[in-house]
Amino acid sequence: MVHLEIFSGDPPCPGCVGIIELAQRVAARYPEDELQLSILKGQEAMAKFEEYGLFCVPAAVVNGSIRIEGICPTEATLNSALREGGLCQK
């Protein structure tokens, strides 16, 4: 299983809104036993944010590895990050 964690500000900036919507759209194509999506926002996400050593949002972490930070990626970029994390693309 691949775990995708999306980090967002609270309230979310336009980039954060974009990455959340994109991640939800992509995750909807997969059963939960293949791709697990977690959306972490604001202060409640601070411990994980610091644990990963992130500097800014929006950010995407795949299986514990920072893949995207500071931008809302294209769908192709997010899919590439997920593929590198071990997800078989659909």
C-alpha atoms as a PDB file:
ATOM      1  CA  MET A   1       0.000   0.000   0.000  1.00  0.00           C
ATOM      2  CA  VAL A   2       1.123   3.545  -0.786  1.00  0.00           C
ATOM      3  CA  HIS A   3       0.430   6.291   1.762  1.00  0.00           C
ATOM      4  CA  LEU A   4      -0.026   9.821   0.394  1.00  0.00           C
ATOM      5  CA  GLU A   5       0.023  12.629   2.952  1.00  0.00           C
ATOM      6  CA  ILE A   6      -1.028  16.104   1.836  1.00  0.00           C
ATOM      7  CA  PHE A   7      -0.034  19.074   4.002  1.00  0.00           C
ATOM      8  CA  SER A   8      -2.084  22.265   3.855  1.00  0.00           C
ATOM      9  CA  GLY A   9      -2.337  25.539   5.696  1.00  0.00           C
ATOM     10  CA  ASP A  10      -5.472  26.351   7.684  1.00  0.00           C
ATOM     11  CA  PRO A  11      -7.113  28.266   6.169  1.00  0.00           C
ATOM     12  CA  PRO A  12      -5.768  26.761   2.951  1.00  0.00           C
ATOM     13  CA  CYS A  13      -4.119  28.930   0.317  1.00  0.00           C
ATOM     14  CA  PRO A  14      -5.195  28.478  -3.341  1.00  0.00           C
ATOM     15  CA  GLY A  15      -2.298  26.045  -3.894  1.00  0.00           C
ATOM     16  CA  CYS A  16      -3.377  23.990  -0.889  1.00  0.00           C
ATOM     17  CA  VAL A  17      -6.969  23.868  -2.131  1.00  0.00           C
ATOM     18  CA  GLY A  18      -5.672  22.728  -5.517  1.00  0.00           C
ATOM     19  CA  ILE A  19      -3.456  19.929  -4.203  1.00  0.00           C
ATOM     20  CA  ILE A  20      -6.202  18.645  -1.890  1.00  0.00           C
ATOM     21  CA  GLU A  21      -8.717  18.490  -4.746  1.00  0.00           C
ATOM     22  CA  LEU A  22      -6.140  16.838  -7.023  1.00  0.00           C
ATOM     23  CA  ALA A  23      -5.150  14.250  -4.409  1.00  0.00           C
ATOM     24  CA  GLN A  24      -8.793  13.401  -3.690  1.00  0.00           C
ATOM     25  CA  ARG A  25      -9.503  13.002  -7.413  1.00  0.00           C
ATOM     26  CA  VAL A  26      -6.482  10.731  -7.923  1.00  0.00           C
ATOM     27  CA  ALA A  27      -7.131   8.708  -4.732  1.00  0.00           C
ATOM     28  CA  ALA A  28     -10.733   8.067  -5.812  1.00  0.00           C
ATOM     29  CA  ARG A  29      -9.387   5.828  -8.606  1.00  0.00           C
ATOM     30  CA  TYR A  30      -7.822   3.376  -6.162  1.00  0.00           C
ATOM     31  CA  PRO A  31      -9.130   1.127  -3.397  1.00  0.00           C
ATOM     32  CA  GLU A  32      -7.953   2.061   0.109  1.00  0.00           C
ATOM     33  CA  ASP A  33      -5.732  -1.015   0.293  1.00  0.00           C
ATOM     34  CA  GLU A  34      -3.693   0.374  -2.661  1.00  0.00           C
ATOM     35  CA  LEU A  35      -3.619   4.108  -1.895  1.00  0.00           C
ATOM     36  CA  GLN A  36      -4.313   5.664   1.476  1.00  0.00           C
ATOM     37  CA  LEU A  37      -4.794   9.455   1.487  1.00  0.00           C
ATOM     38  CA  SER A  38      -4.312  11.617   4.576  1.00  0.00           C
ATOM     39  CA  ILE A  39      -4.933  15.360   4.507  1.00  0.00           C
ATOM     40  CA  LEU A  40      -3.168  17.230   7.300  1.00  0.00           C
ATOM     41  CA  LYS A  41      -4.054  20.874   7.907  1.00  0.00           C
ATOM     42  CA  GLY A  42      -2.634  23.715   9.928  1.00  0.00           C
ATOM     43  CA  GLN A  43      -1.605  23.425  13.544  1.00  0.00           C
ATOM     44  CA  GLU A  44      -2.884  19.850  13.940  1.00  0.00           C
ATOM     45  CA  ALA A  45      -0.332  18.763  11.328  1.00  0.00           C
ATOM     46  CA  MET A  46       2.623  20.625  12.848  1.00  0.00           C
ATOM     47  CA  ALA A  47       4.241  17.622  14.552  1.00  0.00           C
ATOM     48  CA  LYS A  48       4.304  15.611  11.296  1.00  0.00           C
ATOM     49  CA  PHE A  49       5.316  18.715   9.320  1.00  0.00           C
ATOM     50  CA  GLU A  50       8.361  19.153  11.568  1.00  0.00           C
ATOM     51  CA  GLU A  51       9.090  15.410  11.662  1.00  0.00           C
ATOM     52  CA  TYR A  52       9.483  15.400   7.876  1.00  0.00           C
ATOM     53  CA  GLY A  53      11.474  18.644   7.896  1.00  0.00           C
ATOM     54  CA  LEU A  54       9.043  20.407   5.590  1.00  0.00           C
ATOM     55  CA  PHE A  55       9.496  24.136   5.000  1.00  0.00           C
ATOM     56  CA  CYS A  56       6.255  25.180   3.312  1.00  0.00           C
ATOM     57  CA  VAL A  57       2.852  24.099   2.073  1.00  0.00           C
ATOM     58  CA  PRO A  58       1.339  22.735  -0.020  1.00  0.00           C
ATOM     59  CA  ALA A  59       3.324  19.545   0.268  1.00  0.00           C
ATOM     60  CA  ALA A  60       2.939  15.880  -0.614  1.00  0.00           C
ATOM     61  CA  VAL A  61       4.739  13.059   1.167  1.00  0.00           C
ATOM     62  CA  VAL A  62       4.646   9.562  -0.334  1.00  0.00           C
ATOM     63  CA  ASN A  63       5.504   6.675   1.997  1.00  0.00           C
ATOM     64  CA  GLY A  64       7.436   9.018   4.274  1.00  0.00           C
ATOM     65  CA  SER A  65       9.421  10.683   1.482  1.00  0.00           C
ATOM     66  CA  ILE A  66       8.872  14.342   0.551  1.00  0.00           C
ATOM     67  CA  ARG A  67       7.910  14.424  -3.121  1.00  0.00           C
ATOM     68  CA  ILE A  68       6.308  17.857  -3.612  1.00  0.00           C
ATOM     69  CA  GLU A  69       6.731  21.053  -1.603  1.00  0.00           C
ATOM     70  CA  GLY A  70       5.682  24.642  -2.145  1.00  0.00           C
ATOM     71  CA  ILE A  71       3.598  24.142  -5.294  1.00  0.00           C
ATOM     72  CA  CYS A  72       0.380  22.574  -6.442  1.00  0.00           C
ATOM     73  CA  PRO A  73       1.588  19.908  -8.888  1.00  0.00           C
ATOM     74  CA  THR A  74       0.032  18.839 -12.136  1.00  0.00           C
ATOM     75  CA  GLU A  75      -1.759  15.515 -12.127  1.00  0.00           C
ATOM     76  CA  ALA A  76       1.123  14.017 -14.114  1.00  0.00           C
ATOM     77  CA  THR A  77       3.632  15.154 -11.469  1.00  0.00           C
ATOM     78  CA  LEU A  78       1.557  13.730  -8.621  1.00  0.00           C
ATOM     79  CA  ASN A  79       1.093  10.451 -10.511  1.00  0.00           C
ATOM     80  CA  SER A  80       4.847  10.274 -11.096  1.00  0.00           C
ATOM     81  CA  ALA A  81       5.506  10.761  -7.366  1.00  0.00           C
ATOM     82  CA  LEU A  82       3.010   8.012  -6.544  1.00  0.00           C
ATOM     83  CA  ARG A  83       4.543   5.676  -9.127  1.00  0.00           C
ATOM     84  CA  GLU A  84       7.994   6.282  -7.630  1.00  0.00           C
ATOM     85  CA  GLY A  85       6.432   5.390  -4.277  1.00  0.00           C
ATOM     86  CA  GLY A  86       5.349   2.012  -5.624  1.00  0.00           C
ATOM     87  CA  LEU A  87       1.790   2.588  -6.843  1.00  0.00           C
ATOM     88  CA  CYS A  88       0.744   0.714  -9.981  1.00  0.00           C
ATOM     89  CA  GLN A  89      -0.952   3.385 -12.096  1.00  0.00           C
ATOM     90  CA  LYS A  90      -4.579   3.155 -13.246  1.00  0.00           C
END
